[in-house]
Amino acid sequence: MRIAAVAVASAALVAAGATAAVAAPAPAPSITVKASAATVKLGDVVTFSGKVDGLKDGSKVTLQVKDGKKWVSLPATAKVAKGAYKLDDKFDEKGVEVLRVKDGSAVSKNVSVTVR
């Protein structure tokens, strides 16, 4: 009987300790992006804005453009403030530009801007 009581108590302590030791992982940071215009004239400025979740205020986000199969960072950057950002860029080449916003491993979905 004494052995059974010790076994039950030990199992309860192990279960409680295992539950307390396993914390839920923090959600991955996320970024949204929206362009002020889907179609612009050559040389027009486009404003990109969005919200971030899981990034600290002061974090720097960077606008990237797709070049073939790789992403190239543009000089357009902004600091996160109150969970949001806003940055501008202008396009000097005609065509469809596929863009995203990135901070470390957090990446937004793509947005397209047609430059005419």
PDB file of N, CA and C in Angstrom:
ATOM      1  N   MET A   1       0.820  -1.171   0.000  1.00  0.00           N
ATOM      2  CA  MET A   1       0.000   0.000   0.000  1.00  0.00           C
ATOM      3  C   MET A   1       0.874   1.248   0.000  1.00  0.00           C
ATOM      4  N   ARG A   2       1.918   1.243   0.812  1.00  0.00           N
ATOM      5  CA  ARG A   2       2.804   2.390   0.883  1.00  0.00           C
ATOM      6  C   ARG A   2       3.479   2.625  -0.461  1.00  0.00           C
ATOM      7  N   ILE A   3       3.887   1.589  -1.145  1.00  0.00           N
ATOM      8  CA  ILE A   3       4.527   1.703  -2.459  1.00  0.00           C
ATOM      9  C   ILE A   3       3.555   2.296  -3.470  1.00  0.00           C
ATOM     10  N   ALA A   4       2.307   1.889  -3.436  1.00  0.00           N
ATOM     11  CA  ALA A   4       1.302   2.413  -4.359  1.00  0.00           C
ATOM     12  C   ALA A   4       1.082   3.903  -4.128  1.00  0.00           C
ATOM     13  N   ALA A   5       1.029   4.322  -2.877  1.00  0.00           N
ATOM     14  CA  ALA A   5       0.829   5.739  -2.559  1.00  0.00           C
ATOM     15  C   ALA A   5       2.000   6.575  -3.039  1.00  0.00           C
ATOM     16  N   VAL A   6       3.225   6.083  -2.870  1.00  0.00           N
ATOM     17  CA  VAL A   6       4.411   6.794  -3.333  1.00  0.00           C
ATOM     18  C   VAL A   6       4.409   6.877  -4.855  1.00  0.00           C
ATOM     19  N   ALA A   7       4.021   5.809  -5.520  1.00  0.00           N
ATOM     20  CA  ALA A   7       3.976   5.799  -6.982  1.00  0.00           C
ATOM     21  C   ALA A   7       2.959   6.805  -7.506  1.00  0.00           C
ATOM     22  N   VAL A   8       1.792   6.875  -6.882  1.00  0.00           N
ATOM     23  CA  VAL A   8       0.759   7.826  -7.303  1.00  0.00           C
ATOM     24  C   VAL A   8       1.235   9.256  -7.080  1.00  0.00           C
ATOM     25  N   ALA A   9       1.840   9.499  -5.918  1.00  0.00           N
ATOM     26  CA  ALA A   9       2.343  10.840  -5.611  1.00  0.00           C
ATOM     27  C   ALA A   9       3.457  11.238  -6.572  1.00  0.00           C
ATOM     28  N   SER A  10       4.339  10.325  -6.899  1.00  0.00           N
ATOM     29  CA  SER A  10       5.432  10.606  -7.832  1.00  0.00           C
ATOM     30  C   SER A  10       4.893  10.902  -9.219  1.00  0.00           C
ATOM     31  N   ALA A  11       3.931  10.122  -9.660  1.00  0.00           N
ATOM     32  CA  ALA A  11       3.335  10.338 -10.979  1.00  0.00           C
ATOM     33  C   ALA A  11       2.663  11.702 -11.040  1.00  0.00           C
ATOM     34  N   ALA A  12       1.987  12.099  -9.978  1.00  0.00           N
ATOM     35  CA  ALA A  12       1.332  13.405  -9.938  1.00  0.00           C
ATOM     36  C   ALA A  12       2.357  14.534 -10.001  1.00  0.00           C
ATOM     37  N   LEU A  13       3.462  14.394  -9.274  1.00  0.00           N
ATOM     38  CA  LEU A  13       4.505  15.419  -9.297  1.00  0.00           C
ATOM     39  C   LEU A  13       5.156  15.525 -10.663  1.00  0.00           C
ATOM     40  N   VAL A  14       5.421  14.394 -11.291  1.00  0.00           N
ATOM     41  CA  VAL A  14       6.026  14.396 -12.623  1.00  0.00           C
ATOM     42  C   VAL A  14       5.078  15.051 -13.622  1.00  0.00           C
ATOM     43  N   ALA A  15       3.813  14.688 -13.576  1.00  0.00           N
ATOM     44  CA  ALA A  15       2.836  15.270 -14.501  1.00  0.00           C
ATOM     45  C   ALA A  15       2.708  16.766 -14.290  1.00  0.00           C
ATOM     46  N   ALA A  16       2.651  17.216 -13.060  1.00  0.00           N
ATOM     47  CA  ALA A  16       2.536  18.642 -12.767  1.00  0.00           C
ATOM     48  C   ALA A  16       3.790  19.383 -13.204  1.00  0.00           C
ATOM     49  N   GLY A  17       4.947  18.786 -12.954  1.00  0.00           N
ATOM     50  CA  GLY A  17       6.201  19.423 -13.360  1.00  0.00           C
ATOM     51  C   GLY A  17       6.332  19.506 -14.859  1.00  0.00           C
ATOM     52  N   ALA A  18       5.926  18.458 -15.562  1.00  0.00           N
ATOM     53  CA  ALA A  18       6.020  18.451 -17.015  1.00  0.00           C
ATOM     54  C   ALA A  18       5.088  19.488 -17.611  1.00  0.00           C
ATOM     55  N   THR A  19       3.915  19.628 -17.041  1.00  0.00           N
ATOM     56  CA  THR A  19       2.963  20.612 -17.545  1.00  0.00           C
ATOM     57  C   THR A  19       3.482  22.021 -17.309  1.00  0.00           C
ATOM     58  N   ALA A  20       4.038  22.268 -16.154  1.00  0.00           N
ATOM     59  CA  ALA A  20       4.531  23.606 -15.832  1.00  0.00           C
ATOM     60  C   ALA A  20       5.767  23.958 -16.644  1.00  0.00           C
ATOM     61  N   ALA A  21       6.590  22.963 -16.965  1.00  0.00           N
ATOM     62  CA  ALA A  21       7.841  23.226 -17.667  1.00  0.00           C
ATOM     63  C   ALA A  21       7.622  23.486 -19.152  1.00  0.00           C
ATOM     64  N   VAL A  22       6.539  22.997 -19.720  1.00  0.00           N
ATOM     65  CA  VAL A  22       6.289  23.164 -21.153  1.00  0.00           C
ATOM     66  C   VAL A  22       5.427  24.395 -21.354  1.00  0.00           C
ATOM     67  N   ALA A  23       6.046  25.465 -21.814  1.00  0.00           N
ATOM     68  CA  ALA A  23       5.315  26.701 -22.075  1.00  0.00           C
ATOM     69  C   ALA A  23       4.937  26.747 -23.544  1.00  0.00           C
ATOM     70  N   ALA A  24       3.838  27.362 -23.847  1.00  0.00           N
ATOM     71  CA  ALA A  24       3.417  27.505 -25.238  1.00  0.00           C
ATOM     72  C   ALA A  24       4.423  28.395 -25.956  1.00  0.00           C
ATOM     73  N   PRO A  25       4.839  27.994 -27.141  1.00  0.00           N
ATOM     74  CA  PRO A  25       5.803  28.824 -27.872  1.00  0.00           C
ATOM     75  C   PRO A  25       5.166  30.161 -28.263  1.00  0.00           C
ATOM     76  N   ALA A  26       5.979  31.188 -28.274  1.00  0.00           N
ATOM     77  CA  ALA A  26       5.490  32.510 -28.678  1.00  0.00           C
ATOM     78  C   ALA A  26       5.111  32.461 -30.153  1.00  0.00           C
ATOM     79  N   PRO A  27       4.025  33.128 -30.530  1.00  0.00           N
ATOM     80  CA  PRO A  27       3.647  33.128 -31.936  1.00  0.00           C
ATOM     81  C   PRO A  27       4.719  33.816 -32.780  1.00  0.00           C
ATOM     82  N   ALA A  28       4.880  33.356 -33.993  1.00  0.00           N
ATOM     83  CA  ALA A  28       5.870  33.950 -34.900  1.00  0.00           C
ATOM     84  C   ALA A  28       5.449  35.378 -35.242  1.00  0.00           C
ATOM     85  N   PRO A  29       6.412  36.284 -35.367  1.00  0.00           N
ATOM     86  CA  PRO A  29       6.067  37.657 -35.749  1.00  0.00           C
ATOM     87  C   PRO A  29       5.388  37.677 -37.119  1.00  0.00           C
ATOM     88  N   SER A  30       4.497  38.629 -37.318  1.00  0.00           N
ATOM     89  CA  SER A  30       3.823  38.742 -38.612  1.00  0.00           C
ATOM     90  C   SER A  30       3.801  40.198 -39.060  1.00  0.00           C
ATOM     91  N   ILE A  31       3.758  40.375 -40.373  1.00  0.00           N
ATOM     92  CA  ILE A  31       3.747  41.699 -40.990  1.00  0.00           C
ATOM     93  C   ILE A  31       2.690  41.706 -42.082  1.00  0.00           C
ATOM     94  N   THR A  32       1.897  42.761 -42.151  1.00  0.00           N
ATOM     95  CA  THR A  32       0.988  42.945 -43.278  1.00  0.00           C
ATOM     96  C   THR A  32       1.531  44.083 -44.136  1.00  0.00           C
ATOM     97  N   VAL A  33       1.095  44.131 -45.402  1.00  0.00           N
ATOM     98  CA  VAL A  33       1.517  45.233 -46.271  1.00  0.00           C
ATOM     99  C   VAL A  33       0.372  45.590 -47.216  1.00  0.00           C
ATOM    100  N   LYS A  34       0.251  46.896 -47.470  1.00  0.00           N
ATOM    101  CA  LYS A  34      -0.749  47.419 -48.383  1.00  0.00           C
ATOM    102  C   LYS A  34      -0.100  48.566 -49.147  1.00  0.00           C
ATOM    103  N   ALA A  35      -0.274  48.577 -50.471  1.00  0.00           N
ATOM    104  CA  ALA A  35       0.255  49.662 -51.302  1.00  0.00           C
ATOM    105  C   ALA A  35      -0.825  50.722 -51.480  1.00  0.00           C
ATOM    106  N   SER A  36      -0.418  51.992 -51.523  1.00  0.00           N
ATOM    107  CA  SER A  36      -1.377  53.083 -51.688  1.00  0.00           C
ATOM    108  C   SER A  36      -2.021  53.089 -53.065  1.00  0.00           C
ATOM    109  N   ALA A  37      -1.389  52.427 -54.039  1.00  0.00           N
ATOM    110  CA  ALA A  37      -1.948  52.340 -55.389  1.00  0.00           C
ATOM    111  C   ALA A  37      -1.471  51.041 -56.036  1.00  0.00           C
ATOM    112  N   ALA A  38      -2.354  50.437 -56.831  1.00  0.00           N
ATOM    113  CA  ALA A  38      -1.995  49.206 -57.540  1.00  0.00           C
ATOM    114  C   ALA A  38      -1.360  49.514 -58.889  1.00  0.00           C
ATOM    115  N   THR A  39      -1.678  50.689 -59.443  1.00  0.00           N
ATOM    116  CA  THR A  39      -1.117  51.119 -60.730  1.00  0.00           C
ATOM    117  C   THR A  39      -0.653  52.558 -60.585  1.00  0.00           C
ATOM    118  N   VAL A  40       0.581  52.828 -61.024  1.00  0.00           N
ATOM    119  CA  VAL A  40       1.139  54.176 -60.931  1.00  0.00           C
ATOM    120  C   VAL A  40       1.858  54.524 -62.228  1.00  0.00           C
ATOM    121  N   LYS A  41       2.120  55.818 -62.398  1.00  0.00           N
ATOM    122  CA  LYS A  41       2.916  56.284 -63.533  1.00  0.00           C
ATOM    123  C   LYS A  41       4.382  56.222 -63.156  1.00  0.00           C
ATOM    124  N   LEU A  42       5.220  56.107 -64.149  1.00  0.00           N
ATOM    125  CA  LEU A  42       6.663  56.076 -63.950  1.00  0.00           C
ATOM    126  C   LEU A  42       7.097  57.274 -63.106  1.00  0.00           C
ATOM    127  N   GLY A  43       7.832  57.051 -62.041  1.00  0.00           N
ATOM    128  CA  GLY A  43       8.323  58.108 -61.173  1.00  0.00           C
ATOM    129  C   GLY A  43       7.394  58.474 -60.031  1.00  0.00           C
ATOM    130  N   ASP A  44       6.162  57.933 -60.010  1.00  0.00           N
ATOM    131  CA  ASP A  44       5.237  58.223 -58.914  1.00  0.00           C
ATOM    132  C   ASP A  44       5.711  57.555 -57.623  1.00  0.00           C
ATOM    133  N   VAL A  45       5.385  58.185 -56.510  1.00  0.00           N
ATOM    134  CA  VAL A  45       5.714  57.633 -55.196  1.00  0.00           C
ATOM    135  C   VAL A  45       4.547  56.767 -54.721  1.00  0.00           C
ATOM    136  N   VAL A  46       4.880  55.595 -54.197  1.00  0.00           N
ATOM    137  CA  VAL A  46       3.888  54.685 -53.631  1.00  0.00           C
ATOM    138  C   VAL A  46       4.191  54.552 -52.142  1.00  0.00           C
ATOM    139  N   THR A  47       3.154  54.644 -51.324  1.00  0.00           N
ATOM    140  CA  THR A  47       3.303  54.464 -49.884  1.00  0.00           C
ATOM    141  C   THR A  47       2.897  53.039 -49.522  1.00  0.00           C
ATOM    142  N   PHE A  48       3.754  52.377 -48.782  1.00  0.00           N
ATOM    143  CA  PHE A  48       3.487  51.032 -48.294  1.00  0.00           C
ATOM    144  C   PHE A  48       3.282  51.137 -46.791  1.00  0.00           C
ATOM    145  N   SER A  49       2.199  50.557 -46.312  1.00  0.00           N
ATOM    146  CA  SER A  49       1.920  50.614 -44.886  1.00  0.00           C
ATOM    147  C   SER A  49       1.382  49.274 -44.422  1.00  0.00           C
ATOM    148  N   GLY A  50       1.451  49.075 -43.122  1.00  0.00           N
ATOM    149  CA  GLY A  50       0.935  47.831 -42.584  1.00  0.00           C
ATOM    150  C   GLY A  50       1.084  47.770 -41.084  1.00  0.00           C
ATOM    151  N   LYS A  51       0.652  46.644 -40.562  1.00  0.00           N
ATOM    152  CA  LYS A  51       0.728  46.402 -39.123  1.00  0.00           C
ATOM    153  C   LYS A  51       1.674  45.243 -38.866  1.00  0.00           C
ATOM    154  N   VAL A  52       2.233  45.229 -37.678  1.00  0.00           N
ATOM    155  CA  VAL A  52       3.122  44.142 -37.279  1.00  0.00           C
ATOM    156  C   VAL A  52       2.615  43.558 -35.973  1.00  0.00           C
ATOM    157  N   ASP A  53       2.872  42.297 -35.784  1.00  0.00           N
ATOM    158  CA  ASP A  53       2.524  41.630 -34.542  1.00  0.00           C
ATOM    159  C   ASP A  53       3.733  40.818 -34.115  1.00  0.00           C
ATOM    160  N   GLY A  54       4.166  41.014 -32.899  1.00  0.00           N
ATOM    161  CA  GLY A  54       5.323  40.265 -32.408  1.00  0.00           C
ATOM    162  C   GLY A  54       6.654  40.955 -32.647  1.00  0.00           C
ATOM    163  N   LEU A  55       6.636  42.182 -33.171  1.00  0.00           N
ATOM    164  CA  LEU A  55       7.862  42.965 -33.347  1.00  0.00           C
ATOM    165  C   LEU A  55       7.814  44.144 -32.381  1.00  0.00           C
ATOM    166  N   LYS A  56       8.959  44.470 -31.806  1.00  0.00           N
ATOM    167  CA  LYS A  56       9.037  45.577 -30.864  1.00  0.00           C
ATOM    168  C   LYS A  56       9.032  46.912 -31.595  1.00  0.00           C
ATOM    169  N   ASP A  57       8.499  47.933 -30.937  1.00  0.00           N
ATOM    170  CA  ASP A  57       8.608  49.287 -31.474  1.00  0.00           C
ATOM    171  C   ASP A  57      10.085  49.606 -31.652  1.00  0.00           C
ATOM    172  N   GLY A  58      10.415  50.257 -32.749  1.00  0.00           N
ATOM    173  CA  GLY A  58      11.806  50.567 -33.059  1.00  0.00           C
ATOM    174  C   GLY A  58      12.438  49.554 -33.997  1.00  0.00           C
ATOM    175  N   SER A  59      11.793  48.398 -34.190  1.00  0.00           N
ATOM    176  CA  SER A  59      12.305  47.414 -35.155  1.00  0.00           C
ATOM    177  C   SER A  59      12.267  48.032 -36.541  1.00  0.00           C
ATOM    178  N   LYS A  60      13.227  47.667 -37.380  1.00  0.00           N
ATOM    179  CA  LYS A  60      13.303  48.225 -38.725  1.00  0.00           C
ATOM    180  C   LYS A  60      12.759  47.226 -39.745  1.00  0.00           C
ATOM    181  N   VAL A  61      11.791  47.671 -40.551  1.00  0.00           N
ATOM    182  CA  VAL A  61      11.279  46.855 -41.644  1.00  0.00           C
ATOM    183  C   VAL A  61      11.842  47.403 -42.955  1.00  0.00           C
ATOM    184  N   THR A  62      12.041  46.497 -43.896  1.00  0.00           N
ATOM    185  CA  THR A  62      12.654  46.852 -45.176  1.00  0.00           C
ATOM    186  C   THR A  62      11.765  46.401 -46.323  1.00  0.00           C
ATOM    187  N   LEU A  63      11.606  47.259 -47.320  1.00  0.00           N
ATOM    188  CA  LEU A  63      10.868  46.914 -48.528  1.00  0.00           C
ATOM    189  C   LEU A  63      11.780  46.108 -49.443  1.00  0.00           C
ATOM    190  N   GLN A  64      11.263  44.998 -49.975  1.00  0.00           N
ATOM    191  CA  GLN A  64      12.028  44.164 -50.891  1.00  0.00           C
ATOM    192  C   GLN A  64      11.254  44.001 -52.191  1.00  0.00           C
ATOM    193  N   VAL A  65      12.000  43.854 -53.295  1.00  0.00           N
ATOM    194  CA  VAL A  65      11.410  43.625 -54.606  1.00  0.00           C
ATOM    195  C   VAL A  65      11.916  42.291 -55.136  1.00  0.00           C
ATOM    196  N   LYS A  66      11.046  41.582 -55.843  1.00  0.00           N
ATOM    197  CA  LYS A  66      11.442  40.286 -56.402  1.00  0.00           C
ATOM    198  C   LYS A  66      12.178  40.528 -57.712  1.00  0.00           C
ATOM    199  N   ASP A  67      13.371  39.949 -57.804  1.00  0.00           N
ATOM    200  CA  ASP A  67      14.207  40.058 -58.993  1.00  0.00           C
ATOM    201  C   ASP A  67      14.492  38.645 -59.466  1.00  0.00           C
ATOM    202  N   GLY A  68      13.679  38.157 -60.405  1.00  0.00           N
ATOM    203  CA  GLY A  68      13.801  36.764 -60.833  1.00  0.00           C
ATOM    204  C   GLY A  68      13.311  35.859 -59.717  1.00  0.00           C
ATOM    205  N   LYS A  69      14.204  35.029 -59.196  1.00  0.00           N
ATOM    206  CA  LYS A  69      13.826  34.131 -58.103  1.00  0.00           C
ATOM    207  C   LYS A  69      14.294  34.630 -56.738  1.00  0.00           C
ATOM    208  N   LYS A  70      15.009  35.751 -56.703  1.00  0.00           N
ATOM    209  CA  LYS A  70      15.527  36.227 -55.416  1.00  0.00           C
ATOM    210  C   LYS A  70      14.871  37.550 -55.027  1.00  0.00           C
ATOM    211  N   TRP A  71      14.946  37.840 -53.729  1.00  0.00           N
ATOM    212  CA  TRP A  71      14.424  39.087 -53.188  1.00  0.00           C
ATOM    213  C   TRP A  71      15.584  40.041 -52.936  1.00  0.00           C
ATOM    214  N   VAL A  72      15.409  41.287 -53.371  1.00  0.00           N
ATOM    215  CA  VAL A  72      16.444  42.309 -53.213  1.00  0.00           C
ATOM    216  C   VAL A  72      15.898  43.399 -52.296  1.00  0.00           C
ATOM    217  N   SER A  73      16.656  43.737 -51.259  1.00  0.00           N
ATOM    218  CA  SER A  73      16.246  44.805 -50.339  1.00  0.00           C
ATOM    219  C   SER A  73      16.441  46.158 -50.998  1.00  0.00           C
ATOM    220  N   LEU A  74      15.436  47.000 -50.884  1.00  0.00           N
ATOM    221  CA  LEU A  74      15.498  48.366 -51.404  1.00  0.00           C
ATOM    222  C   LEU A  74      15.940  49.289 -50.267  1.00  0.00           C
ATOM    223  N   PRO A  75      16.362  50.504 -50.598  1.00  0.00           N
ATOM    224  CA  PRO A  75      16.775  51.431 -49.539  1.00  0.00           C
ATOM    225  C   PRO A  75      15.614  51.895 -48.654  1.00  0.00           C
ATOM    226  N   ALA A  76      14.377  51.641 -49.069  1.00  0.00           N
ATOM    227  CA  ALA A  76      13.203  52.087 -48.312  1.00  0.00           C
ATOM    228  C   ALA A  76      13.040  51.262 -47.039  1.00  0.00           C
ATOM    229  N   THR A  77      13.189  51.927 -45.891  1.00  0.00           N
ATOM    230  CA  THR A  77      13.027  51.274 -44.592  1.00  0.00           C
ATOM    231  C   THR A  77      12.170  52.169 -43.701  1.00  0.00           C
ATOM    232  N   ALA A  78      11.644  51.566 -42.649  1.00  0.00           N
ATOM    233  CA  ALA A  78      10.869  52.328 -41.667  1.00  0.00           C
ATOM    234  C   ALA A  78      10.992  51.645 -40.317  1.00  0.00           C
ATOM    235  N   LYS A  79      10.816  52.436 -39.263  1.00  0.00           N
ATOM    236  CA  LYS A  79      10.808  51.872 -37.911  1.00  0.00           C
ATOM    237  C   LYS A  79       9.370  51.636 -37.478  1.00  0.00           C
ATOM    238  N   VAL A  80       9.180  50.523 -36.795  1.00  0.00           N
ATOM    239  CA  VAL A  80       7.867  50.176 -36.267  1.00  0.00           C
ATOM    240  C   VAL A  80       7.549  51.099 -35.094  1.00  0.00           C
ATOM    241  N   ALA A  81       6.336  51.646 -35.096  1.00  0.00           N
ATOM    242  CA  ALA A  81       5.870  52.490 -33.991  1.00  0.00           C
ATOM    243  C   ALA A  81       4.414  52.136 -33.713  1.00  0.00           C
ATOM    244  N   LYS A  82       4.121  51.779 -32.480  1.00  0.00           N
ATOM    245  CA  LYS A  82       2.765  51.417 -32.059  1.00  0.00           C
ATOM    246  C   LYS A  82       2.192  50.294 -32.922  1.00  0.00           C
ATOM    247  N   GLY A  83       3.046  49.338 -33.292  1.00  0.00           N
ATOM    248  CA  GLY A  83       2.589  48.163 -34.026  1.00  0.00           C
ATOM    249  C   GLY A  83       2.310  48.398 -35.497  1.00  0.00           C
ATOM    250  N   ALA A  84       2.825  49.497 -36.058  1.00  0.00           N
ATOM    251  CA  ALA A  84       2.572  49.814 -37.466  1.00  0.00           C
ATOM    252  C   ALA A  84       3.808  50.465 -38.083  1.00  0.00           C
ATOM    253  N   TYR A  85       3.800  50.569 -39.410  1.00  0.00           N
ATOM    254  CA  TYR A  85       4.892  51.228 -40.135  1.00  0.00           C
ATOM    255  C   TYR A  85       4.319  51.874 -41.394  1.00  0.00           C
ATOM    256  N   LYS A  86       5.095  52.772 -41.973  1.00  0.00           N
ATOM    257  CA  LYS A  86       4.747  53.400 -43.254  1.00  0.00           C
ATOM    258  C   LYS A  86       6.044  53.784 -43.934  1.00  0.00           C
ATOM    259  N   LEU A  87       6.178  53.435 -45.208  1.00  0.00           N
ATOM    260  CA  LEU A  87       7.371  53.818 -45.961  1.00  0.00           C
ATOM    261  C   LEU A  87       6.997  54.123 -47.401  1.00  0.00           C
ATOM    262  N   ASP A  88       7.832  54.892 -48.082  1.00  0.00           N
ATOM    263  CA  ASP A  88       7.587  55.305 -49.463  1.00  0.00           C
ATOM    264  C   ASP A  88       8.693  54.808 -50.371  1.00  0.00           C
ATOM    265  N   ASP A  89       8.322  54.583 -51.628  1.00  0.00           N
ATOM    266  CA  ASP A  89       9.312  54.267 -52.652  1.00  0.00           C
ATOM    267  C   ASP A  89       8.757  54.735 -53.983  1.00  0.00           C
ATOM    268  N   LYS A  90       9.649  55.023 -54.918  1.00  0.00           N
ATOM    269  CA  LYS A  90       9.188  55.386 -56.252  1.00  0.00           C
ATOM    270  C   LYS A  90       9.853  54.458 -57.247  1.00  0.00           C
ATOM    271  N   PHE A  91       9.190  54.250 -58.354  1.00  0.00           N
ATOM    272  CA  PHE A  91       9.636  53.267 -59.336  1.00  0.00           C
ATOM    273  C   PHE A  91      10.082  53.962 -60.614  1.00  0.00           C
ATOM    274  N   ASP A  92      11.262  53.555 -61.078  1.00  0.00           N
ATOM    275  CA  ASP A  92      11.858  54.179 -62.252  1.00  0.00           C
ATOM    276  C   ASP A  92      11.872  53.265 -63.471  1.00  0.00           C
ATOM    277  N   GLU A  93      11.210  52.117 -63.367  1.00  0.00           N
ATOM    278  CA  GLU A  93      11.128  51.190 -64.500  1.00  0.00           C
ATOM    279  C   GLU A  93       9.688  50.757 -64.671  1.00  0.00           C
ATOM    280  N   LYS A  94       9.282  50.627 -65.930  1.00  0.00           N
ATOM    281  CA  LYS A  94       7.919  50.175 -66.221  1.00  0.00           C
ATOM    282  C   LYS A  94       7.817  48.670 -66.026  1.00  0.00           C
ATOM    283  N   GLY A  95       6.605  48.222 -65.702  1.00  0.00           N
ATOM    284  CA  GLY A  95       6.349  46.796 -65.537  1.00  0.00           C
ATOM    285  C   GLY A  95       5.633  46.523 -64.226  1.00  0.00           C
ATOM    286  N   VAL A  96       5.501  45.246 -63.923  1.00  0.00           N
ATOM    287  CA  VAL A  96       4.853  44.833 -62.685  1.00  0.00           C
ATOM    288  C   VAL A  96       5.937  44.529 -61.660  1.00  0.00           C
ATOM    289  N   GLU A  97       5.879  45.214 -60.537  1.00  0.00           N
ATOM    290  CA  GLU A  97       6.828  44.998 -59.447  1.00  0.00           C
ATOM    291  C   GLU A  97       6.136  44.183 -58.354  1.00  0.00           C
ATOM    292  N   VAL A  98       6.774  43.112 -57.927  1.00  0.00           N
ATOM    293  CA  VAL A  98       6.267  42.296 -56.828  1.00  0.00           C
ATOM    294  C   VAL A  98       7.114  42.645 -55.607  1.00  0.00           C
ATOM    295  N   LEU A  99       6.443  43.064 -54.538  1.00  0.00           N
ATOM    296  CA  LEU A  99       7.148  43.568 -53.357  1.00  0.00           C
ATOM    297  C   LEU A  99       6.652  42.884 -52.095  1.00  0.00           C
ATOM    298  N   ARG A 100       7.465  42.990 -51.045  1.00  0.00           N
ATOM    299  CA  ARG A 100       7.102  42.512 -49.724  1.00  0.00           C
ATOM    300  C   ARG A 100       7.857  43.335 -48.698  1.00  0.00           C
ATOM    301  N   VAL A 101       7.480  43.200 -47.444  1.00  0.00           N
ATOM    302  CA  VAL A 101       8.162  43.885 -46.347  1.00  0.00           C
ATOM    303  C   VAL A 101       8.727  42.816 -45.427  1.00  0.00           C
ATOM    304  N   LYS A 102       9.956  43.048 -44.939  1.00  0.00           N
ATOM    305  CA  LYS A 102      10.654  42.033 -44.150  1.00  0.00           C
ATOM    306  C   LYS A 102      11.329  42.647 -42.936  1.00  0.00           C
ATOM    307  N   ASP A 103      11.341  41.866 -41.861  1.00  0.00           N
ATOM    308  CA  ASP A 103      12.126  42.187 -40.667  1.00  0.00           C
ATOM    309  C   ASP A 103      12.645  40.863 -40.137  1.00  0.00           C
ATOM    310  N   GLY A 104      13.924  40.632 -40.236  1.00  0.00           N
ATOM    311  CA  GLY A 104      14.478  39.353 -39.775  1.00  0.00           C
ATOM    312  C   GLY A 104      13.829  38.194 -40.499  1.00  0.00           C
ATOM    313  N   SER A 105      13.215  37.283 -39.751  1.00  0.00           N
ATOM    314  CA  SER A 105      12.560  36.140 -40.381  1.00  0.00           C
ATOM    315  C   SER A 105      11.093  36.411 -40.689  1.00  0.00           C
ATOM    316  N   ALA A 106      10.553  37.523 -40.214  1.00  0.00           N
ATOM    317  CA  ALA A 106       9.153  37.874 -40.481  1.00  0.00           C
ATOM    318  C   ALA A 106       9.040  38.516 -41.859  1.00  0.00           C
ATOM    319  N   VAL A 107       8.125  37.984 -42.661  1.00  0.00           N
ATOM    320  CA  VAL A 107       7.942  38.464 -44.028  1.00  0.00           C
ATOM    321  C   VAL A 107       6.451  38.617 -44.307  1.00  0.00           C
ATOM    322  N   SER A 108       6.086  39.706 -44.970  1.00  0.00           N
ATOM    323  CA  SER A 108       4.686  39.920 -45.333  1.00  0.00           C
ATOM    324  C   SER A 108       4.341  39.094 -46.571  1.00  0.00           C
ATOM    325  N   LYS A 109       3.061  39.055 -46.897  1.00  0.00           N
ATOM    326  CA  LYS A 109       2.649  38.490 -48.171  1.00  0.00           C
ATOM    327  C   LYS A 109       3.083  39.466 -49.258  1.00  0.00           C
ATOM    328  N   ASN A 110       3.077  39.012 -50.495  1.00  0.00           N
ATOM    329  CA  ASN A 110       3.486  39.853 -51.620  1.00  0.00           C
ATOM    330  C   ASN A 110       2.372  40.825 -52.002  1.00  0.00           C
ATOM    331  N   VAL A 111       2.785  41.967 -52.541  1.00  0.00           N
ATOM    332  CA  VAL A 111       1.873  42.934 -53.113  1.00  0.00           C
ATOM    333  C   VAL A 111       2.456  43.354 -54.461  1.00  0.00           C
ATOM    334  N   SER A 112       1.597  43.562 -55.452  1.00  0.00           N
ATOM    335  CA  SER A 112       2.059  43.940 -56.793  1.00  0.00           C
ATOM    336  C   SER A 112       1.684  45.375 -57.115  1.00  0.00           C
ATOM    337  N   VAL A 113       2.602  46.073 -57.780  1.00  0.00           N
ATOM    338  CA  VAL A 113       2.362  47.435 -58.257  1.00  0.00           C
ATOM    339  C   VAL A 113       2.722  47.455 -59.738  1.00  0.00           C
ATOM    340  N   THR A 114       1.777  47.904 -60.573  1.00  0.00           N
ATOM    341  CA  THR A 114       2.041  48.043 -62.001  1.00  0.00           C
ATOM    342  C   THR A 114       2.500  49.457 -62.285  1.00  0.00           C
ATOM    343  N   VAL A 115       3.658  49.580 -62.925  1.00  0.00           N
ATOM    344  CA  VAL A 115       4.232  50.886 -63.256  1.00  0.00           C
ATOM    345  C   VAL A 115       4.088  51.081 -64.757  1.00  0.00           C
ATOM    346  N   ARG A 116       3.380  52.177 -65.156  1.00  0.00           N
ATOM    347  CA  ARG A 116       3.152  52.451 -66.589  1.00  0.00           C
ATOM    348  C   ARG A 116       3.893  53.660 -67.052  1.00  0.00           C
TER     349      ARG A 116
END
